[in-house]
N, C-alpha and C. Protein backbone atom coordinates (compact mmCIF):
# COMPACT_ATOMS: atom_id res chain seq x y z
N MET A 1 -10.54 2.88 -1.88
CA MET A 1 -9.14 2.53 -2.01
C MET A 1 -8.28 3.68 -1.48
N PRO A 2 -7.15 3.33 -0.89
CA PRO A 2 -6.26 4.39 -0.39
C PRO A 2 -5.79 5.30 -1.52
N ARG A 3 -5.70 6.61 -1.22
CA ARG A 3 -5.30 7.58 -2.23
C ARG A 3 -3.86 8.04 -2.07
N ASN A 4 -3.24 7.74 -0.93
CA ASN A 4 -1.86 8.14 -0.70
C ASN A 4 -1.20 7.15 0.24
N PHE A 5 0.09 7.34 0.48
CA PHE A 5 0.85 6.38 1.29
C PHE A 5 0.35 6.34 2.73
N LYS A 6 -0.03 7.47 3.28
CA LYS A 6 -0.54 7.53 4.65
C LYS A 6 -1.81 6.70 4.79
N GLU A 7 -2.71 6.83 3.83
CA GLU A 7 -3.94 6.04 3.84
C GLU A 7 -3.63 4.56 3.60
N GLU A 8 -2.65 4.29 2.77
CA GLU A 8 -2.23 2.90 2.51
C GLU A 8 -1.73 2.25 3.79
N LEU A 9 -0.95 2.99 4.58
CA LEU A 9 -0.45 2.47 5.85
C LEU A 9 -1.58 2.20 6.83
N LEU A 10 -2.53 3.12 6.92
CA LEU A 10 -3.68 2.93 7.81
C LEU A 10 -4.49 1.72 7.37
N PHE A 11 -4.80 1.64 6.09
CA PHE A 11 -5.58 0.53 5.55
C PHE A 11 -4.88 -0.80 5.80
N THR A 12 -3.58 -0.85 5.57
CA THR A 12 -2.81 -2.07 5.79
C THR A 12 -2.76 -2.43 7.27
N ALA A 13 -2.61 -1.43 8.13
CA ALA A 13 -2.57 -1.69 9.57
C ALA A 13 -3.88 -2.32 10.05
N VAL A 14 -5.00 -1.78 9.61
CA VAL A 14 -6.30 -2.33 10.02
C VAL A 14 -6.48 -3.72 9.41
N MET A 15 -6.24 -3.82 8.11
CA MET A 15 -6.46 -5.08 7.41
C MET A 15 -5.55 -6.18 7.94
N ALA A 16 -4.26 -5.92 7.95
CA ALA A 16 -3.31 -6.94 8.41
C ALA A 16 -3.49 -7.22 9.90
N GLY A 17 -3.72 -6.17 10.66
CA GLY A 17 -3.88 -6.36 12.10
C GLY A 17 -5.02 -7.30 12.45
N LEU A 18 -6.16 -7.09 11.83
CA LEU A 18 -7.31 -7.95 12.11
C LEU A 18 -7.15 -9.34 11.50
N MET A 19 -6.66 -9.39 10.26
CA MET A 19 -6.49 -10.70 9.60
C MET A 19 -5.48 -11.57 10.35
N VAL A 20 -4.36 -10.99 10.74
CA VAL A 20 -3.34 -11.77 11.44
C VAL A 20 -3.87 -12.25 12.79
N LEU A 21 -4.57 -11.40 13.50
CA LEU A 21 -5.10 -11.79 14.81
C LEU A 21 -6.06 -12.97 14.68
N VAL A 22 -7.01 -12.87 13.78
CA VAL A 22 -8.00 -13.95 13.62
C VAL A 22 -7.34 -15.21 13.05
N MET A 23 -6.49 -15.05 12.04
CA MET A 23 -5.87 -16.22 11.43
C MET A 23 -4.90 -16.91 12.38
N ALA A 24 -4.21 -16.15 13.22
CA ALA A 24 -3.34 -16.77 14.23
C ALA A 24 -4.18 -17.60 15.19
N GLY A 25 -5.27 -17.02 15.66
CA GLY A 25 -6.17 -17.77 16.55
C GLY A 25 -6.72 -19.01 15.88
N TYR A 26 -7.11 -18.89 14.63
CA TYR A 26 -7.64 -20.02 13.86
C TYR A 26 -6.61 -21.13 13.75
N ASN A 27 -5.39 -20.79 13.36
CA ASN A 27 -4.36 -21.81 13.18
C ASN A 27 -3.94 -22.45 14.50
N ILE A 28 -3.87 -21.67 15.56
CA ILE A 28 -3.54 -22.24 16.86
C ILE A 28 -4.66 -23.15 17.34
N ALA A 29 -5.89 -22.74 17.12
CA ALA A 29 -7.02 -23.59 17.50
C ALA A 29 -7.02 -24.89 16.70
N LEU A 30 -6.69 -24.84 15.41
CA LEU A 30 -6.61 -26.06 14.61
C LEU A 30 -5.51 -26.99 15.11
N ALA A 31 -4.36 -26.41 15.45
CA ALA A 31 -3.21 -27.22 15.85
C ALA A 31 -3.32 -27.73 17.28
N ASP A 32 -3.74 -26.85 18.21
CA ASP A 32 -3.69 -27.19 19.64
C ASP A 32 -5.04 -27.18 20.34
N GLY A 33 -6.08 -26.72 19.67
CA GLY A 33 -7.37 -26.58 20.32
C GLY A 33 -7.42 -25.32 21.17
N PHE A 34 -8.49 -25.18 21.91
CA PHE A 34 -8.67 -24.01 22.77
C PHE A 34 -8.24 -24.35 24.19
N GLY A 35 -6.95 -24.54 24.39
CA GLY A 35 -6.42 -24.84 25.71
C GLY A 35 -6.28 -23.59 26.56
N HIS A 36 -5.78 -23.79 27.77
CA HIS A 36 -5.63 -22.65 28.68
C HIS A 36 -4.51 -21.70 28.24
N HIS A 37 -3.69 -22.10 27.29
CA HIS A 37 -2.61 -21.24 26.79
C HIS A 37 -2.97 -20.59 25.45
N PHE A 38 -4.19 -20.75 25.00
CA PHE A 38 -4.60 -20.27 23.67
C PHE A 38 -4.34 -18.78 23.48
N ILE A 39 -4.86 -17.95 24.36
CA ILE A 39 -4.72 -16.49 24.21
C ILE A 39 -3.25 -16.09 24.27
N ARG A 40 -2.50 -16.70 25.18
CA ARG A 40 -1.08 -16.38 25.31
C ARG A 40 -0.33 -16.74 24.02
N GLU A 41 -0.63 -17.90 23.45
CA GLU A 41 0.03 -18.30 22.21
C GLU A 41 -0.28 -17.34 21.06
N VAL A 42 -1.52 -16.91 20.98
CA VAL A 42 -1.91 -15.96 19.93
C VAL A 42 -1.15 -14.65 20.12
N LEU A 43 -1.14 -14.13 21.33
CA LEU A 43 -0.51 -12.83 21.58
C LEU A 43 1.01 -12.87 21.45
N VAL A 44 1.63 -14.00 21.79
CA VAL A 44 3.09 -14.11 21.68
C VAL A 44 3.51 -14.12 20.21
N GLY A 45 2.78 -14.82 19.37
CA GLY A 45 3.14 -14.91 17.96
C GLY A 45 2.67 -13.74 17.11
N TYR A 46 1.75 -12.95 17.65
CA TYR A 46 1.13 -11.87 16.89
C TYR A 46 2.09 -10.81 16.37
N PRO A 47 2.99 -10.25 17.18
CA PRO A 47 3.85 -9.17 16.67
C PRO A 47 4.71 -9.57 15.46
N LEU A 48 5.35 -10.73 15.53
CA LEU A 48 6.19 -11.17 14.41
C LEU A 48 5.33 -11.46 13.18
N ALA A 49 4.20 -12.12 13.37
CA ALA A 49 3.32 -12.42 12.24
C ALA A 49 2.79 -11.14 11.61
N LEU A 50 2.46 -10.15 12.43
CA LEU A 50 1.97 -8.87 11.90
C LEU A 50 3.07 -8.17 11.11
N LEU A 51 4.28 -8.17 11.61
CA LEU A 51 5.40 -7.56 10.91
C LEU A 51 5.62 -8.23 9.55
N VAL A 52 5.65 -9.55 9.54
CA VAL A 52 5.85 -10.29 8.29
C VAL A 52 4.69 -10.02 7.33
N ALA A 53 3.47 -10.02 7.84
CA ALA A 53 2.30 -9.76 6.99
C ALA A 53 2.35 -8.36 6.40
N ALA A 54 2.73 -7.37 7.19
CA ALA A 54 2.81 -6.00 6.69
C ALA A 54 3.88 -5.87 5.61
N ILE A 55 5.03 -6.50 5.82
CA ILE A 55 6.09 -6.47 4.82
C ILE A 55 5.64 -7.17 3.54
N CYS A 56 5.01 -8.33 3.67
CA CYS A 56 4.50 -9.05 2.50
C CYS A 56 3.44 -8.23 1.77
N ASP A 57 2.54 -7.63 2.54
CA ASP A 57 1.45 -6.85 1.95
C ASP A 57 1.98 -5.62 1.22
N LEU A 58 2.77 -4.82 1.91
CA LEU A 58 3.25 -3.56 1.34
C LEU A 58 4.38 -3.73 0.33
N GLY A 59 5.19 -4.77 0.49
CA GLY A 59 6.38 -4.89 -0.34
C GLY A 59 6.34 -5.93 -1.44
N ILE A 60 5.49 -6.96 -1.28
CA ILE A 60 5.51 -8.05 -2.25
C ILE A 60 4.14 -8.24 -2.90
N ILE A 61 3.18 -8.67 -2.11
CA ILE A 61 1.87 -9.05 -2.64
C ILE A 61 1.10 -7.84 -3.15
N GLY A 62 1.02 -6.78 -2.35
CA GLY A 62 0.27 -5.59 -2.75
C GLY A 62 0.71 -5.01 -4.07
N PRO A 63 2.00 -4.69 -4.22
CA PRO A 63 2.46 -4.15 -5.50
C PRO A 63 2.25 -5.13 -6.67
N GLY A 64 2.48 -6.42 -6.42
CA GLY A 64 2.30 -7.41 -7.47
C GLY A 64 0.85 -7.53 -7.93
N VAL A 65 -0.05 -7.58 -6.95
CA VAL A 65 -1.48 -7.68 -7.26
C VAL A 65 -1.95 -6.44 -8.01
N LYS A 66 -1.56 -5.26 -7.54
CA LYS A 66 -1.99 -4.03 -8.20
C LYS A 66 -1.45 -3.94 -9.63
N TYR A 67 -0.21 -4.37 -9.83
CA TYR A 67 0.35 -4.36 -11.18
C TYR A 67 -0.45 -5.29 -12.09
N LEU A 68 -0.65 -6.54 -11.64
CA LEU A 68 -1.41 -7.50 -12.46
C LEU A 68 -2.83 -7.00 -12.73
N PHE A 69 -3.47 -6.49 -11.68
CA PHE A 69 -4.86 -6.05 -11.83
C PHE A 69 -4.98 -4.89 -12.81
N PHE A 70 -4.20 -3.84 -12.59
CA PHE A 70 -4.36 -2.64 -13.40
C PHE A 70 -3.75 -2.77 -14.79
N HIS A 71 -2.91 -3.78 -15.04
CA HIS A 71 -2.34 -3.97 -16.36
C HIS A 71 -3.04 -5.06 -17.18
N TYR A 72 -3.61 -6.06 -16.50
CA TYR A 72 -4.12 -7.21 -17.23
C TYR A 72 -5.58 -7.60 -16.94
N ILE A 73 -6.13 -7.19 -15.82
CA ILE A 73 -7.43 -7.70 -15.41
C ILE A 73 -8.56 -6.68 -15.50
N ILE A 74 -8.32 -5.46 -15.11
CA ILE A 74 -9.39 -4.46 -15.05
C ILE A 74 -10.05 -4.29 -16.42
N ASN A 75 -11.36 -4.11 -16.38
CA ASN A 75 -12.10 -3.90 -17.63
C ASN A 75 -13.19 -2.85 -17.38
N ASP A 76 -13.91 -2.51 -18.43
CA ASP A 76 -14.93 -1.46 -18.32
C ASP A 76 -16.04 -1.83 -17.34
N TYR A 77 -16.39 -3.11 -17.27
CA TYR A 77 -17.42 -3.57 -16.34
C TYR A 77 -17.02 -3.26 -14.90
N MET A 78 -15.78 -3.53 -14.55
CA MET A 78 -15.30 -3.29 -13.19
C MET A 78 -15.24 -1.80 -12.88
N LYS A 79 -14.92 -1.00 -13.87
CA LYS A 79 -14.77 0.44 -13.65
C LYS A 79 -16.09 1.12 -13.30
N LYS A 80 -17.21 0.48 -13.60
CA LYS A 80 -18.52 1.07 -13.34
C LYS A 80 -18.83 1.16 -11.85
N LYS A 81 -18.29 0.25 -11.04
CA LYS A 81 -18.52 0.27 -9.60
C LYS A 81 -17.21 -0.02 -8.87
N GLN A 82 -16.85 0.87 -7.96
CA GLN A 82 -15.60 0.77 -7.21
C GLN A 82 -15.52 -0.53 -6.42
N ILE A 83 -16.66 -1.04 -5.93
CA ILE A 83 -16.66 -2.25 -5.11
C ILE A 83 -16.19 -3.46 -5.91
N ARG A 84 -16.44 -3.48 -7.20
CA ARG A 84 -15.96 -4.59 -8.03
C ARG A 84 -14.44 -4.63 -8.07
N ILE A 85 -13.85 -3.46 -8.16
CA ILE A 85 -12.39 -3.38 -8.14
C ILE A 85 -11.87 -3.81 -6.78
N ALA A 86 -12.48 -3.31 -5.71
CA ALA A 86 -12.04 -3.63 -4.36
C ALA A 86 -12.14 -5.13 -4.08
N LEU A 87 -13.24 -5.74 -4.49
CA LEU A 87 -13.43 -7.17 -4.22
C LEU A 87 -12.46 -8.03 -5.03
N THR A 88 -12.22 -7.65 -6.28
CA THR A 88 -11.28 -8.42 -7.10
C THR A 88 -9.87 -8.33 -6.52
N ILE A 89 -9.47 -7.13 -6.15
CA ILE A 89 -8.15 -6.97 -5.53
C ILE A 89 -8.08 -7.72 -4.21
N SER A 90 -9.15 -7.69 -3.43
CA SER A 90 -9.18 -8.41 -2.14
C SER A 90 -8.98 -9.91 -2.33
N VAL A 91 -9.67 -10.49 -3.31
CA VAL A 91 -9.53 -11.93 -3.56
C VAL A 91 -8.09 -12.26 -3.97
N MET A 92 -7.52 -11.44 -4.83
CA MET A 92 -6.14 -11.67 -5.26
C MET A 92 -5.16 -11.49 -4.10
N MET A 93 -5.41 -10.49 -3.26
CA MET A 93 -4.54 -10.27 -2.09
C MET A 93 -4.61 -11.45 -1.12
N VAL A 94 -5.81 -11.95 -0.88
CA VAL A 94 -5.96 -13.09 0.02
C VAL A 94 -5.20 -14.29 -0.53
N ALA A 95 -5.33 -14.56 -1.80
CA ALA A 95 -4.62 -15.70 -2.40
C ALA A 95 -3.11 -15.55 -2.22
N GLY A 96 -2.60 -14.36 -2.48
CA GLY A 96 -1.16 -14.14 -2.33
C GLY A 96 -0.70 -14.18 -0.88
N MET A 97 -1.45 -13.53 -0.01
CA MET A 97 -1.05 -13.50 1.41
C MET A 97 -1.16 -14.88 2.05
N VAL A 98 -2.19 -15.64 1.71
CA VAL A 98 -2.31 -17.01 2.24
C VAL A 98 -1.12 -17.85 1.76
N THR A 99 -0.71 -17.64 0.53
CA THR A 99 0.43 -18.38 -0.01
C THR A 99 1.69 -18.12 0.81
N LEU A 100 1.99 -16.86 1.10
CA LEU A 100 3.21 -16.54 1.86
C LEU A 100 3.06 -16.80 3.35
N MET A 101 1.93 -16.43 3.92
CA MET A 101 1.77 -16.56 5.37
C MET A 101 1.60 -18.02 5.79
N SER A 102 1.11 -18.88 4.92
CA SER A 102 1.06 -20.31 5.24
C SER A 102 2.48 -20.86 5.34
N LEU A 103 3.32 -20.43 4.42
CA LEU A 103 4.74 -20.82 4.47
C LEU A 103 5.39 -20.28 5.75
N PHE A 104 5.11 -19.02 6.07
CA PHE A 104 5.64 -18.42 7.30
C PHE A 104 5.20 -19.25 8.52
N GLY A 105 3.94 -19.61 8.58
CA GLY A 105 3.43 -20.40 9.70
C GLY A 105 4.12 -21.75 9.82
N MET A 106 4.36 -22.38 8.69
CA MET A 106 5.06 -23.67 8.72
C MET A 106 6.49 -23.51 9.21
N VAL A 107 7.16 -22.44 8.80
CA VAL A 107 8.54 -22.21 9.23
C VAL A 107 8.60 -21.91 10.72
N VAL A 108 7.72 -21.04 11.20
CA VAL A 108 7.73 -20.65 12.61
C VAL A 108 7.42 -21.84 13.52
N THR A 109 6.48 -22.68 13.11
CA THR A 109 6.10 -23.84 13.94
C THR A 109 6.94 -25.07 13.63
N GLN A 110 7.85 -24.93 12.68
CA GLN A 110 8.71 -26.04 12.24
C GLN A 110 7.88 -27.26 11.89
N ASN A 111 6.82 -27.03 11.13
CA ASN A 111 5.88 -28.08 10.74
C ASN A 111 6.32 -28.67 9.41
N PHE A 112 7.36 -29.50 9.45
CA PHE A 112 7.89 -30.08 8.23
C PHE A 112 7.87 -31.60 8.25
N GLY A 113 7.08 -32.18 9.16
CA GLY A 113 7.01 -33.63 9.25
C GLY A 113 6.31 -34.22 8.04
N GLY A 114 6.71 -35.42 7.65
CA GLY A 114 6.06 -36.09 6.54
C GLY A 114 6.37 -35.42 5.22
N ASN A 115 5.39 -35.35 4.36
CA ASN A 115 5.54 -34.76 3.04
C ASN A 115 5.34 -33.24 3.15
N VAL A 116 6.40 -32.49 2.95
CA VAL A 116 6.36 -31.03 3.11
C VAL A 116 5.38 -30.40 2.13
N PHE A 117 5.35 -30.87 0.89
CA PHE A 117 4.45 -30.29 -0.10
C PHE A 117 2.99 -30.51 0.29
N LEU A 118 2.65 -31.74 0.72
CA LEU A 118 1.26 -32.01 1.12
C LEU A 118 0.89 -31.25 2.40
N THR A 119 1.83 -31.12 3.31
CA THR A 119 1.58 -30.33 4.53
C THR A 119 1.31 -28.88 4.16
N TYR A 120 2.11 -28.34 3.25
CA TYR A 120 1.90 -26.95 2.81
C TYR A 120 0.56 -26.81 2.11
N LEU A 121 0.24 -27.73 1.22
CA LEU A 121 -1.03 -27.68 0.49
C LEU A 121 -2.22 -27.75 1.46
N HIS A 122 -2.14 -28.62 2.44
CA HIS A 122 -3.19 -28.73 3.46
C HIS A 122 -3.32 -27.42 4.23
N THR A 123 -2.19 -26.87 4.65
CA THR A 123 -2.20 -25.60 5.38
C THR A 123 -2.77 -24.49 4.52
N TRP A 124 -2.34 -24.41 3.27
CA TRP A 124 -2.80 -23.37 2.35
C TRP A 124 -4.31 -23.44 2.15
N ILE A 125 -4.84 -24.64 1.90
CA ILE A 125 -6.28 -24.80 1.66
C ILE A 125 -7.08 -24.41 2.90
N PHE A 126 -6.66 -24.90 4.06
CA PHE A 126 -7.40 -24.58 5.29
C PHE A 126 -7.35 -23.08 5.57
N ASN A 127 -6.21 -22.44 5.33
CA ASN A 127 -6.11 -21.00 5.54
C ASN A 127 -6.93 -20.22 4.52
N LEU A 128 -6.95 -20.66 3.28
CA LEU A 128 -7.74 -19.98 2.26
C LEU A 128 -9.23 -20.04 2.59
N PHE A 129 -9.70 -21.21 3.05
CA PHE A 129 -11.12 -21.36 3.40
C PHE A 129 -11.54 -20.46 4.55
N MET A 130 -10.62 -20.11 5.40
CA MET A 130 -10.94 -19.19 6.50
C MET A 130 -10.70 -17.74 6.10
N ALA A 131 -9.58 -17.48 5.43
CA ALA A 131 -9.18 -16.10 5.15
C ALA A 131 -10.08 -15.41 4.12
N LEU A 132 -10.53 -16.14 3.12
CA LEU A 132 -11.33 -15.50 2.07
C LEU A 132 -12.67 -14.97 2.60
N PRO A 133 -13.48 -15.78 3.28
CA PRO A 133 -14.72 -15.21 3.83
C PRO A 133 -14.45 -14.17 4.91
N LEU A 134 -13.42 -14.39 5.71
CA LEU A 134 -13.07 -13.42 6.75
C LEU A 134 -12.78 -12.06 6.12
N GLN A 135 -12.01 -12.06 5.05
CA GLN A 135 -11.65 -10.83 4.35
C GLN A 135 -12.85 -10.19 3.67
N LEU A 136 -13.60 -10.98 2.93
CA LEU A 136 -14.70 -10.43 2.13
C LEU A 136 -15.91 -10.00 2.96
N LEU A 137 -16.17 -10.70 4.06
CA LEU A 137 -17.39 -10.44 4.83
C LEU A 137 -17.20 -9.61 6.09
N ILE A 138 -15.99 -9.64 6.67
CA ILE A 138 -15.80 -8.96 7.96
C ILE A 138 -14.69 -7.92 7.90
N VAL A 139 -13.47 -8.36 7.70
CA VAL A 139 -12.31 -7.47 7.82
C VAL A 139 -12.28 -6.43 6.69
N GLY A 140 -12.50 -6.85 5.46
CA GLY A 140 -12.50 -5.91 4.34
C GLY A 140 -13.50 -4.77 4.52
N PRO A 141 -14.77 -5.09 4.82
CA PRO A 141 -15.73 -4.01 5.06
C PRO A 141 -15.36 -3.09 6.22
N ILE A 142 -14.80 -3.66 7.28
CA ILE A 142 -14.37 -2.83 8.43
C ILE A 142 -13.26 -1.89 7.99
N ALA A 143 -12.25 -2.42 7.30
CA ALA A 143 -11.11 -1.60 6.86
C ALA A 143 -11.56 -0.52 5.87
N ARG A 144 -12.45 -0.89 4.94
CA ARG A 144 -12.93 0.11 3.97
C ARG A 144 -13.77 1.19 4.65
N LYS A 145 -14.54 0.82 5.66
CA LYS A 145 -15.35 1.81 6.39
C LYS A 145 -14.44 2.78 7.14
N ILE A 146 -13.43 2.26 7.83
CA ILE A 146 -12.50 3.12 8.55
C ILE A 146 -11.78 4.05 7.57
N LEU A 147 -11.35 3.51 6.44
CA LEU A 147 -10.68 4.33 5.43
C LEU A 147 -11.62 5.42 4.90
N SER A 148 -12.87 5.07 4.64
CA SER A 148 -13.80 6.07 4.12
C SER A 148 -14.07 7.17 5.14
N LEU A 149 -14.09 6.83 6.41
CA LEU A 149 -14.26 7.84 7.45
C LEU A 149 -13.07 8.79 7.51
N VAL A 150 -11.87 8.23 7.36
CA VAL A 150 -10.66 9.05 7.36
C VAL A 150 -10.64 9.95 6.12
N GLN A 151 -11.07 9.42 4.99
CA GLN A 151 -11.06 10.21 3.75
C GLN A 151 -12.09 11.32 3.76
N LYS A 152 -13.14 11.19 4.57
CA LYS A 152 -14.17 12.22 4.65
C LYS A 152 -13.77 13.39 5.54
N VAL A 153 -12.82 13.17 6.44
CA VAL A 153 -12.38 14.24 7.34
C VAL A 153 -11.60 15.25 6.52
N PRO A 154 -12.03 16.51 6.53
CA PRO A 154 -11.30 17.52 5.75
C PRO A 154 -9.92 17.79 6.36
N ALA A 155 -8.99 18.07 5.49
CA ALA A 155 -7.64 18.40 5.95
C ALA A 155 -7.70 19.73 6.69
N PRO A 156 -6.90 19.85 7.76
CA PRO A 156 -6.91 21.13 8.48
C PRO A 156 -6.41 22.25 7.58
N GLU A 157 -7.10 23.36 7.68
CA GLU A 157 -6.73 24.49 6.84
C GLU A 157 -5.49 25.18 7.41
N GLN A 158 -4.63 25.57 6.50
CA GLN A 158 -3.43 26.31 6.89
C GLN A 158 -3.79 27.79 6.93
N PRO A 159 -3.42 28.48 7.97
CA PRO A 159 -3.72 29.92 8.00
C PRO A 159 -2.96 30.62 6.88
N LEU A 160 -3.61 31.55 6.28
CA LEU A 160 -2.97 32.31 5.21
C LEU A 160 -1.94 33.25 5.82
N GLU A 161 -0.79 33.19 5.22
CA GLU A 161 0.26 34.09 5.71
C GLU A 161 0.14 35.39 4.95
N THR A 162 0.04 36.43 5.70
CA THR A 162 -0.02 37.75 5.07
C THR A 162 1.27 38.47 5.36
N GLU A 163 1.64 39.25 4.41
CA GLU A 163 2.87 40.00 4.62
C GLU A 163 2.60 41.13 5.60
N THR A 164 3.43 41.17 6.55
CA THR A 164 3.31 42.26 7.52
C THR A 164 4.47 43.21 7.32
N SER A 165 4.18 44.45 7.49
CA SER A 165 5.25 45.42 7.30
C SER A 165 6.08 45.48 8.57
N LYS A 166 7.35 45.49 8.38
CA LYS A 166 8.27 45.56 9.52
C LYS A 166 8.66 47.00 9.72
N ASP A 167 8.59 47.42 10.92
CA ASP A 167 8.95 48.81 11.23
C ASP A 167 10.41 48.99 11.41
């Protein structure tokens, strides 16, 4: 888990960057198939989706999930292994992010035909079925590995300042 804000930003950049890229491709493929404009559509929508995902992650879902987890969910069993904490938080984060990003996707694509609630529910379920395994099996381990490599790098040592006599 990130230990400071700098590590939190790196972790979020890797996590959100990969999740948004794959989920954008997934949703475009579901809606339009793999046409000749597929890659262009993914890349055009990616910056805005990444920005929204980062804001949701850092400002809404992340703080909310951590508050709920550390105040109401964590127990002695989870504390025995760090991976239990990471996986529980990951599942909660996916549920929250899918909830907001599915709504974002519907707004951006103006997908409000028919019954809006059923359209949202359909979108949410399909996104959850893709995002949860993607997070738990691929993106989460990649992000945690990158974070652990960064955390292992020792901080550069500051040279000791010695008092020098001025002539």
